[in-house]
Amino acid sequence: MTWKAWDWKFIATTVIALALGASQIDLSSRSLTVRLLATSPLQPVQNIQNLQISLNGQNVESPYISTIELTNTGSKPILSSEFDGALQIQMANEAKLISAEITSTTPKNIPVRVATSENKTAISPFLSNPKDSITIATITSGPRPAFEVRARIVGINEVEFEDNTVQSSSYWKLLGRLATSYGLVFLYFVFTPIAFRDRQLTMPRGLAFCIAIACAFGSVGTVSQSLDEVLSGLPYPKQLSFLIGLGVTLLMAYLALRYTRRLIETDRLKD
């Protein structure tokens, strides 16, 4: 089979992959995310005699202040009429919710209200455009607070809750990143002397496989995170990240195929 045939097959595969990927993207996605940004104790670690903390005349034992952010992370507005009642943030452990208030909104002056009762905070339905956010400060007593969210909204199966106060990456993911990083370091020390001393290398299949695996894992993590950061301020960031990532990856594969073809034609790559 000639390389021209492979080129045409690659182009056809690229077009099909892009078409299938685009058909799977929901450009009118709805998503609402509640993030716990910070939790801090208000009482000193060392007990001070006769020191009491009170709120509205009520003593608070072991108080914690928490910052919670509610953000429209989708690409479509959520109307107030699409809420089936208030969005509720409630305690998921033995902590007691004392108070909650809105500290800021983006953009400013979003007409939204919160009410606290029976150990939960109710956020009234409101119009939320993409990237709109509401920041809420809560005061709790007892153990370090844990929160959970309950809401029913048209087009949203579940409101996501993210606890940014805990480590999000698992132990095995961290080990995988370390292994990939040190694999790339190993390859650096293998190929640098060859490059500077003008040596020729007949590459064993095992080494080629290790290079492919290390580059694949290293590039996936870096490209995904970088694209998310670059496109975060644009409309449809998730969809753009997918399309651009897929398109550039296929372009790189095509260029690599052309380069390999050139190596074979110049007799620098042999079977």
C-alpha atoms as a PDB file:
ATOM      1  CA  MET A   1       0.000   0.000   0.000  1.00  0.00           C
ATOM      2  CA  THR A   2       1.434   3.391  -1.011  1.00  0.00           C
ATOM      3  CA  TRP A   3       1.870   6.352   1.310  1.00  0.00           C
ATOM      4  CA  LYS A   4      -0.535   8.352  -0.912  1.00  0.00           C
ATOM      5  CA  ALA A   5      -3.264   5.850  -0.101  1.00  0.00           C
ATOM      6  CA  TRP A   6      -2.453   6.237   3.591  1.00  0.00           C
ATOM      7  CA  ASP A   7      -2.660  10.042   3.255  1.00  0.00           C
ATOM      8  CA  TRP A   8      -6.130   9.855   1.749  1.00  0.00           C
ATOM      9  CA  LYS A   9      -7.235   7.387   4.408  1.00  0.00           C
ATOM     10  CA  PHE A  10      -5.934   9.700   7.105  1.00  0.00           C
ATOM     11  CA  ILE A  11      -7.812  12.687   5.654  1.00  0.00           C
ATOM     12  CA  ALA A  12     -11.023  10.666   5.425  1.00  0.00           C
ATOM     13  CA  THR A  13     -10.607   9.427   8.995  1.00  0.00           C
ATOM     14  CA  THR A  14     -10.013  12.987  10.194  1.00  0.00           C
ATOM     15  CA  VAL A  15     -13.183  14.286   8.535  1.00  0.00           C
ATOM     16  CA  ILE A  16     -15.271  11.427   9.958  1.00  0.00           C
ATOM     17  CA  ALA A  17     -13.828  11.861  13.461  1.00  0.00           C
ATOM     18  CA  LEU A  18     -14.522  15.597  13.446  1.00  0.00           C
ATOM     19  CA  ALA A  19     -18.058  15.043  12.173  1.00  0.00           C
ATOM     20  CA  LEU A  20     -18.809  12.424  14.822  1.00  0.00           C
ATOM     21  CA  GLY A  21     -17.255  14.546  17.555  1.00  0.00           C
ATOM     22  CA  ALA A  22     -19.218  17.630  16.540  1.00  0.00           C
ATOM     23  CA  SER A  23     -22.463  15.670  16.489  1.00  0.00           C
ATOM     24  CA  GLN A  24     -21.914  14.561  20.075  1.00  0.00           C
ATOM     25  CA  ILE A  25     -21.414  18.081  21.417  1.00  0.00           C
ATOM     26  CA  ASP A  26     -24.364  19.803  22.987  1.00  0.00           C
ATOM     27  CA  LEU A  27     -23.809  23.474  22.238  1.00  0.00           C
ATOM     28  CA  SER A  28     -26.701  24.424  24.494  1.00  0.00           C
ATOM     29  CA  SER A  29     -25.355  22.608  27.548  1.00  0.00           C
ATOM     30  CA  ARG A  30     -26.684  23.544  30.970  1.00  0.00           C
ATOM     31  CA  SER A  31     -24.538  23.262  34.040  1.00  0.00           C
ATOM     32  CA  LEU A  32     -24.636  24.771  37.512  1.00  0.00           C
ATOM     33  CA  THR A  33     -21.760  24.207  39.925  1.00  0.00           C
ATOM     34  CA  VAL A  34     -21.496  24.896  43.650  1.00  0.00           C
ATOM     35  CA  ARG A  35     -17.919  25.167  44.933  1.00  0.00           C
ATOM     36  CA  LEU A  36     -16.701  25.225  48.513  1.00  0.00           C
ATOM     37  CA  LEU A  37     -13.800  27.657  48.156  1.00  0.00           C
ATOM     38  CA  ALA A  38     -12.561  27.883  51.751  1.00  0.00           C
ATOM     39  CA  THR A  39     -13.348  26.848  55.309  1.00  0.00           C
ATOM     40  CA  SER A  40     -11.560  28.337  58.324  1.00  0.00           C
ATOM     41  CA  PRO A  41     -12.095  28.132  62.098  1.00  0.00           C
ATOM     42  CA  LEU A  42     -12.889  31.432  63.802  1.00  0.00           C
ATOM     43  CA  GLN A  43     -11.775  30.278  67.238  1.00  0.00           C
ATOM     44  CA  PRO A  44      -8.037  30.246  68.091  1.00  0.00           C
ATOM     45  CA  VAL A  45      -6.363  26.845  68.243  1.00  0.00           C
ATOM     46  CA  GLN A  46      -5.292  27.542  71.820  1.00  0.00           C
ATOM     47  CA  ASN A  47      -8.238  28.102  74.124  1.00  0.00           C
ATOM     48  CA  ILE A  48      -8.219  31.513  75.765  1.00  0.00           C
ATOM     49  CA  GLN A  49      -9.932  31.754  79.109  1.00  0.00           C
ATOM     50  CA  ASN A  50     -13.307  33.560  79.082  1.00  0.00           C
ATOM     51  CA  LEU A  51     -13.129  34.088  75.299  1.00  0.00           C
ATOM     52  CA  GLN A  52     -16.517  33.636  73.678  1.00  0.00           C
ATOM     53  CA  ILE A  53     -17.662  34.197  70.120  1.00  0.00           C
ATOM     54  CA  SER A  54     -21.248  35.269  69.606  1.00  0.00           C
ATOM     55  CA  LEU A  55     -23.455  36.094  66.644  1.00  0.00           C
ATOM     56  CA  ASN A  56     -26.578  38.218  67.098  1.00  0.00           C
ATOM     57  CA  GLY A  57     -26.269  37.754  70.842  1.00  0.00           C
ATOM     58  CA  GLN A  58     -25.986  33.961  70.588  1.00  0.00           C
ATOM     59  CA  ASN A  59     -22.813  32.160  71.688  1.00  0.00           C
ATOM     60  CA  VAL A  60     -21.289  30.019  68.937  1.00  0.00           C
ATOM     61  CA  GLU A  61     -19.241  26.975  69.899  1.00  0.00           C
ATOM     62  CA  SER A  62     -16.369  25.996  67.588  1.00  0.00           C
ATOM     63  CA  PRO A  63     -17.388  28.413  64.815  1.00  0.00           C
ATOM     64  CA  TYR A  64     -16.284  28.021  61.192  1.00  0.00           C
ATOM     65  CA  ILE A  65     -16.619  30.469  58.326  1.00  0.00           C
ATOM     66  CA  SER A  66     -16.990  29.004  54.843  1.00  0.00           C
ATOM     67  CA  THR A  67     -17.033  30.610  51.404  1.00  0.00           C
ATOM     68  CA  ILE A  68     -19.307  29.011  48.826  1.00  0.00           C
ATOM     69  CA  GLU A  69     -19.578  30.008  45.168  1.00  0.00           C
ATOM     70  CA  LEU A  70     -22.488  29.202  42.869  1.00  0.00           C
ATOM     71  CA  THR A  71     -21.559  29.505  39.165  1.00  0.00           C
ATOM     72  CA  ASN A  72     -23.325  28.925  35.865  1.00  0.00           C
ATOM     73  CA  THR A  73     -20.668  26.732  34.229  1.00  0.00           C
ATOM     74  CA  GLY A  74     -22.805  25.938  31.201  1.00  0.00           C
ATOM     75  CA  SER A  75     -23.203  27.726  27.892  1.00  0.00           C
ATOM     76  CA  LYS A  76     -26.879  28.671  28.203  1.00  0.00           C
ATOM     77  CA  PRO A  77     -28.805  30.950  30.581  1.00  0.00           C
ATOM     78  CA  ILE A  78     -30.896  29.398  33.347  1.00  0.00           C
ATOM     79  CA  LEU A  79     -34.186  31.229  33.841  1.00  0.00           C
ATOM     80  CA  SER A  80     -35.720  31.750  37.259  1.00  0.00           C
ATOM     81  CA  SER A  81     -38.865  29.991  36.001  1.00  0.00           C
ATOM     82  CA  GLU A  82     -36.796  26.862  35.328  1.00  0.00           C
ATOM     83  CA  PHE A  83     -36.107  26.302  39.037  1.00  0.00           C
ATOM     84  CA  ASP A  84     -38.510  23.903  40.765  1.00  0.00           C
ATOM     85  CA  GLY A  85     -38.276  25.766  44.049  1.00  0.00           C
ATOM     86  CA  ALA A  86     -35.230  27.135  45.838  1.00  0.00           C
ATOM     87  CA  LEU A  87     -31.742  25.697  45.513  1.00  0.00           C
ATOM     88  CA  GLN A  88     -30.780  24.322  48.922  1.00  0.00           C
ATOM     89  CA  ILE A  89     -27.339  24.042  50.489  1.00  0.00           C
ATOM     90  CA  GLN A  90     -27.543  21.953  53.631  1.00  0.00           C
ATOM     91  CA  MET A  91     -25.245  20.339  56.142  1.00  0.00           C
ATOM     92  CA  ALA A  92     -23.951  16.846  55.383  1.00  0.00           C
ATOM     93  CA  ASN A  93     -22.603  16.179  58.884  1.00  0.00           C
ATOM     94  CA  GLU A  94     -23.249  17.131  62.510  1.00  0.00           C
ATOM     95  CA  ALA A  95     -22.272  20.784  62.034  1.00  0.00           C
ATOM     96  CA  LYS A  96     -24.990  23.367  62.662  1.00  0.00           C
ATOM     97  CA  LEU A  97     -25.644  26.170  60.194  1.00  0.00           C
ATOM     98  CA  ILE A  98     -25.914  29.500  62.036  1.00  0.00           C
ATOM     99  CA  SER A  99     -26.120  32.054  59.222  1.00  0.00           C
ATOM    100  CA  ALA A 100     -25.543  32.627  55.518  1.00  0.00           C
ATOM    101  CA  GLU A 101     -25.367  35.805  53.476  1.00  0.00           C
ATOM    102  CA  ILE A 102     -24.416  36.871  49.971  1.00  0.00           C
ATOM    103  CA  THR A 103     -21.077  38.701  49.938  1.00  0.00           C
ATOM    104  CA  SER A 104     -20.743  39.369  46.203  1.00  0.00           C
ATOM    105  CA  THR A 105     -22.157  38.582  42.774  1.00  0.00           C
ATOM    106  CA  THR A 106     -20.710  38.621  39.267  1.00  0.00           C
ATOM    107  CA  PRO A 107     -21.991  40.735  37.613  1.00  0.00           C
ATOM    108  CA  LYS A 108     -22.948  43.068  40.420  1.00  0.00           C
ATOM    109  CA  ASN A 109     -26.460  43.397  41.801  1.00  0.00           C
ATOM    110  CA  ILE A 110     -27.891  40.035  40.740  1.00  0.00           C
ATOM    111  CA  PRO A 111     -31.343  40.044  42.393  1.00  0.00           C
ATOM    112  CA  VAL A 112     -31.070  36.901  44.500  1.00  0.00           C
ATOM    113  CA  ARG A 113     -31.924  36.226  48.135  1.00  0.00           C
ATOM    114  CA  VAL A 114     -30.873  33.614  50.674  1.00  0.00           C
ATOM    115  CA  ALA A 115     -32.727  32.410  53.745  1.00  0.00           C
ATOM    116  CA  THR A 116     -31.450  30.162  56.539  1.00  0.00           C
ATOM    117  CA  SER A 117     -33.673  27.759  58.436  1.00  0.00           C
ATOM    118  CA  GLU A 118     -33.581  24.193  59.752  1.00  0.00           C
ATOM    119  CA  ASN A 119     -29.859  23.769  59.133  1.00  0.00           C
ATOM    120  CA  LYS A 120     -30.059  24.666  55.436  1.00  0.00           C
ATOM    121  CA  THR A 121     -29.698  27.708  53.204  1.00  0.00           C
ATOM    122  CA  ALA A 122     -32.306  28.314  50.510  1.00  0.00           C
ATOM    123  CA  ILE A 123     -31.281  30.365  47.471  1.00  0.00           C
ATOM    124  CA  SER A 124     -34.236  31.886  45.653  1.00  0.00           C
ATOM    125  CA  PRO A 125     -34.644  31.208  41.900  1.00  0.00           C
ATOM    126  CA  PHE A 126     -32.862  33.795  39.749  1.00  0.00           C
ATOM    127  CA  LEU A 127     -31.757  34.422  36.181  1.00  0.00           C
ATOM    128  CA  SER A 128     -28.245  33.039  35.753  1.00  0.00           C
ATOM    129  CA  ASN A 129     -26.341  33.754  32.547  1.00  0.00           C
ATOM    130  CA  PRO A 130     -23.188  31.818  31.595  1.00  0.00           C
ATOM    131  CA  LYS A 131     -20.282  32.726  33.909  1.00  0.00           C
ATOM    132  CA  ASP A 132     -22.586  34.457  36.413  1.00  0.00           C
ATOM    133  CA  SER A 133     -21.594  33.658  39.991  1.00  0.00           C
ATOM    134  CA  ILE A 134     -22.820  34.247  43.530  1.00  0.00           C
ATOM    135  CA  THR A 135     -20.537  34.112  46.559  1.00  0.00           C
ATOM    136  CA  ILE A 136     -22.018  33.165  49.927  1.00  0.00           C
ATOM    137  CA  ALA A 137     -20.394  33.265  53.373  1.00  0.00           C
ATOM    138  CA  THR A 138     -21.711  30.848  55.999  1.00  0.00           C
ATOM    139  CA  ILE A 139     -21.119  30.562  59.735  1.00  0.00           C
ATOM    140  CA  THR A 140     -21.406  27.106  61.294  1.00  0.00           C
ATOM    141  CA  SER A 141     -20.767  25.633  64.718  1.00  0.00           C
ATOM    142  CA  GLY A 142     -19.537  22.231  65.791  1.00  0.00           C
ATOM    143  CA  PRO A 143     -17.221  20.056  63.665  1.00  0.00           C
ATOM    144  CA  ARG A 144     -15.669  21.182  60.412  1.00  0.00           C
ATOM    145  CA  PRO A 145     -18.670  21.622  58.108  1.00  0.00           C
ATOM    146  CA  ALA A 146     -19.545  19.422  55.153  1.00  0.00           C
ATOM    147  CA  PHE A 147     -22.134  20.581  52.638  1.00  0.00           C
ATOM    148  CA  GLU A 148     -24.436  19.035  50.064  1.00  0.00           C
ATOM    149  CA  VAL A 149     -26.679  20.565  47.410  1.00  0.00           C
ATOM    150  CA  ARG A 150     -30.256  19.837  46.433  1.00  0.00           C
ATOM    151  CA  ALA A 151     -32.006  21.399  43.455  1.00  0.00           C
ATOM    152  CA  ARG A 152     -34.354  20.629  40.601  1.00  0.00           C
ATOM    153  CA  ILE A 153     -33.699  22.659  37.444  1.00  0.00           C
ATOM    154  CA  VAL A 154     -34.991  22.135  33.915  1.00  0.00           C
ATOM    155  CA  GLY A 155     -32.317  20.517  31.719  1.00  0.00           C
ATOM    156  CA  ILE A 156     -29.886  19.827  34.580  1.00  0.00           C
ATOM    157  CA  ASN A 157     -29.745  16.305  35.976  1.00  0.00           C
ATOM    158  CA  GLU A 158     -27.677  17.266  38.999  1.00  0.00           C
ATOM    159  CA  VAL A 159     -26.062  20.407  40.365  1.00  0.00           C
ATOM    160  CA  GLU A 160     -22.364  19.637  40.745  1.00  0.00           C
ATOM    161  CA  PHE A 161     -20.647  20.190  44.088  1.00  0.00           C
ATOM    162  CA  GLU A 162     -16.876  20.667  44.254  1.00  0.00           C
ATOM    163  CA  ASP A 163     -14.923  20.839  47.497  1.00  0.00           C
ATOM    164  CA  ASN A 164     -11.859  22.914  46.635  1.00  0.00           C
ATOM    165  CA  THR A 165     -10.579  22.695  50.211  1.00  0.00           C
ATOM    166  CA  VAL A 166      -9.468  19.087  49.741  1.00  0.00           C
ATOM    167  CA  GLN A 167      -6.986  17.584  47.343  1.00  0.00           C
ATOM    168  CA  SER A 168      -8.865  16.737  44.148  1.00  0.00           C
ATOM    169  CA  SER A 169      -6.273  14.477  42.521  1.00  0.00           C
ATOM    170  CA  SER A 170      -6.183  10.896  43.680  1.00  0.00           C
ATOM    171  CA  TYR A 171      -3.036   9.167  44.884  1.00  0.00           C
ATOM    172  CA  TRP A 172      -2.868   7.020  41.762  1.00  0.00           C
ATOM    173  CA  LYS A 173      -3.240  10.026  39.452  1.00  0.00           C
ATOM    174  CA  LEU A 174      -0.336  11.731  41.199  1.00  0.00           C
ATOM    175  CA  LEU A 175       1.772   8.585  40.843  1.00  0.00           C
ATOM    176  CA  GLY A 176       0.879   8.448  37.149  1.00  0.00           C
ATOM    177  CA  ARG A 177       1.969  12.062  36.640  1.00  0.00           C
ATOM    178  CA  LEU A 178       5.229  11.440  38.457  1.00  0.00           C
ATOM    179  CA  ALA A 179       5.919   8.322  36.388  1.00  0.00           C
ATOM    180  CA  THR A 180       5.226  10.234  33.163  1.00  0.00           C
ATOM    181  CA  SER A 181       7.425  13.158  34.220  1.00  0.00           C
ATOM    182  CA  TYR A 182      10.374  10.959  35.129  1.00  0.00           C
ATOM    183  CA  GLY A 183       9.861   8.971  31.933  1.00  0.00           C
ATOM    184  CA  LEU A 184      10.289  12.187  29.945  1.00  0.00           C
ATOM    185  CA  VAL A 185      13.392  13.023  31.995  1.00  0.00           C
ATOM    186  CA  PHE A 186      14.801   9.586  31.145  1.00  0.00           C
ATOM    187  CA  LEU A 187      14.198  10.172  27.430  1.00  0.00           C
ATOM    188  CA  TYR A 188      15.871  13.574  27.683  1.00  0.00           C
ATOM    189  CA  PHE A 189      19.069  11.997  28.990  1.00  0.00           C
ATOM    190  CA  VAL A 190      18.921   9.291  26.309  1.00  0.00           C
ATOM    191  CA  PHE A 191      18.543  11.605  23.311  1.00  0.00           C
ATOM    192  CA  THR A 192      20.510  14.704  24.341  1.00  0.00           C
ATOM    193  CA  PRO A 193      23.975  13.062  23.965  1.00  0.00           C
ATOM    194  CA  ILE A 194      22.915  11.626  20.604  1.00  0.00           C
ATOM    195  CA  ALA A 195      21.835  15.049  19.349  1.00  0.00           C
ATOM    196  CA  PHE A 196      25.022  16.861  20.405  1.00  0.00           C
ATOM    197  CA  ARG A 197      27.471  14.158  19.299  1.00  0.00           C
ATOM    198  CA  ASP A 198      25.878  13.561  15.892  1.00  0.00           C
ATOM    199  CA  ARG A 199      25.373   9.872  16.528  1.00  0.00           C
ATOM    200  CA  GLN A 200      23.029   7.521  14.720  1.00  0.00           C
ATOM    201  CA  LEU A 201      20.616   5.403  16.734  1.00  0.00           C
ATOM    202  CA  THR A 202      18.927   2.172  15.795  1.00  0.00           C
ATOM    203  CA  MET A 203      15.947   2.340  18.094  1.00  0.00           C
ATOM    204  CA  PRO A 204      14.709  -0.851  19.747  1.00  0.00           C
ATOM    205  CA  ARG A 205      10.969  -1.418  19.663  1.00  0.00           C
ATOM    206  CA  GLY A 206      10.790  -1.313  23.472  1.00  0.00           C
ATOM    207  CA  LEU A 207      12.377   2.145  23.621  1.00  0.00           C
ATOM    208  CA  ALA A 208      10.066   3.412  20.881  1.00  0.00           C
ATOM    209  CA  PHE A 209       7.077   2.088  22.830  1.00  0.00           C
ATOM    210  CA  CYS A 210       8.253   3.827  26.040  1.00  0.00           C
ATOM    211  CA  ILE A 211       8.684   7.100  24.154  1.00  0.00           C
ATOM    212  CA  ALA A 212       5.188   6.848  22.691  1.00  0.00           C
ATOM    213  CA  ILE A 213       3.573   6.104  26.065  1.00  0.00           C
ATOM    214  CA  ALA A 214       5.453   8.874  27.929  1.00  0.00           C
ATOM    215  CA  CYS A 215       4.669  11.455  25.256  1.00  0.00           C
ATOM    216  CA  ALA A 216       1.006  10.422  25.105  1.00  0.00           C
ATOM    217  CA  PHE A 217       0.379  10.721  28.840  1.00  0.00           C
ATOM    218  CA  GLY A 218       2.480  13.876  29.182  1.00  0.00           C
ATOM    219  CA  SER A 219       0.786  15.657  26.287  1.00  0.00           C
ATOM    220  CA  VAL A 220      -2.777  14.704  27.245  1.00  0.00           C
ATOM    221  CA  GLY A 221      -2.490  16.234  30.725  1.00  0.00           C
ATOM    222  CA  THR A 222      -0.692  19.372  29.559  1.00  0.00           C
ATOM    223  CA  VAL A 223      -2.851  20.050  26.494  1.00  0.00           C
ATOM    224  CA  SER A 224      -6.139  19.493  28.327  1.00  0.00           C
ATOM    225  CA  GLN A 225      -5.275  21.819  31.208  1.00  0.00           C
ATOM    226  CA  SER A 226      -3.770  24.497  28.953  1.00  0.00           C
ATOM    227  CA  LEU A 227      -6.731  24.569  26.570  1.00  0.00           C
ATOM    228  CA  ASP A 228      -9.184  24.842  29.463  1.00  0.00           C
ATOM    229  CA  GLU A 229      -7.296  27.854  30.843  1.00  0.00           C
ATOM    230  CA  VAL A 230      -6.897  29.584  27.470  1.00  0.00           C
ATOM    231  CA  LEU A 231     -10.534  29.149  26.440  1.00  0.00           C
ATOM    232  CA  SER A 232     -12.171  29.693  29.831  1.00  0.00           C
ATOM    233  CA  GLY A 233     -13.294  33.234  28.967  1.00  0.00           C
ATOM    234  CA  LEU A 234     -14.875  32.354  25.607  1.00  0.00           C
ATOM    235  CA  PRO A 235     -18.389  31.104  24.811  1.00  0.00           C
ATOM    236  CA  TYR A 236     -18.738  27.305  24.823  1.00  0.00           C
ATOM    237  CA  PRO A 237     -15.304  26.683  26.432  1.00  0.00           C
ATOM    238  CA  LYS A 238     -15.756  22.919  26.853  1.00  0.00           C
ATOM    239  CA  GLN A 239     -16.934  22.432  23.287  1.00  0.00           C
ATOM    240  CA  LEU A 240     -14.161  24.620  21.861  1.00  0.00           C
ATOM    241  CA  SER A 241     -11.579  22.780  23.951  1.00  0.00           C
ATOM    242  CA  PHE A 242     -12.758  19.449  22.550  1.00  0.00           C
ATOM    243  CA  LEU A 243     -12.874  20.586  18.923  1.00  0.00           C
ATOM    244  CA  ILE A 244      -9.571  22.465  18.976  1.00  0.00           C
ATOM    245  CA  GLY A 245      -7.845  19.681  20.899  1.00  0.00           C
ATOM    246  CA  LEU A 246      -9.090  17.033  18.478  1.00  0.00           C
ATOM    247  CA  GLY A 247      -8.296  19.125  15.418  1.00  0.00           C
ATOM    248  CA  VAL A 248      -4.750  20.035  16.475  1.00  0.00           C
ATOM    249  CA  THR A 249      -4.054  16.455  17.595  1.00  0.00           C
ATOM    250  CA  LEU A 250      -5.111  15.109  14.199  1.00  0.00           C
ATOM    251  CA  LEU A 251      -3.015  17.795  12.492  1.00  0.00           C
ATOM    252  CA  MET A 252       0.040  16.766  14.519  1.00  0.00           C
ATOM    253  CA  ALA A 253      -0.600  13.128  13.632  1.00  0.00           C
ATOM    254  CA  TYR A 254      -0.785  14.048   9.948  1.00  0.00           C
ATOM    255  CA  LEU A 255       2.470  16.035  10.104  1.00  0.00           C
ATOM    256  CA  ALA A 256       4.151  13.137  11.914  1.00  0.00           C
ATOM    257  CA  LEU A 257       2.924  10.781   9.195  1.00  0.00           C
ATOM    258  CA  ARG A 258       4.377  13.032   6.508  1.00  0.00           C
ATOM    259  CA  TYR A 259       7.661  13.265   8.384  1.00  0.00           C
ATOM    260  CA  THR A 260       7.852   9.483   8.733  1.00  0.00           C
ATOM    261  CA  ARG A 261       7.167   9.141   5.026  1.00  0.00           C
ATOM    262  CA  ARG A 262      10.039  11.499   4.279  1.00  0.00           C
ATOM    263  CA  LEU A 263      12.381   9.477   6.487  1.00  0.00           C
ATOM    264  CA  ILE A 264      11.485   6.333   4.567  1.00  0.00           C
ATOM    265  CA  GLU A 265      11.956   8.030   1.190  1.00  0.00           C
ATOM    266  CA  THR A 266      15.435   9.263   2.185  1.00  0.00           C
ATOM    267  CA  ASP A 267      16.329   5.793   3.484  1.00  0.00           C
ATOM    268  CA  ARG A 268      16.787   7.065   7.051  1.00  0.00           C
ATOM    269  CA  LEU A 269      14.007   4.843   8.385  1.00  0.00           C
ATOM    270  CA  LYS A 270      14.022   1.160   7.558  1.00  0.00           C
ATOM    271  CA  ASP A 271      11.872  -1.786   8.482  1.00  0.00           C
END
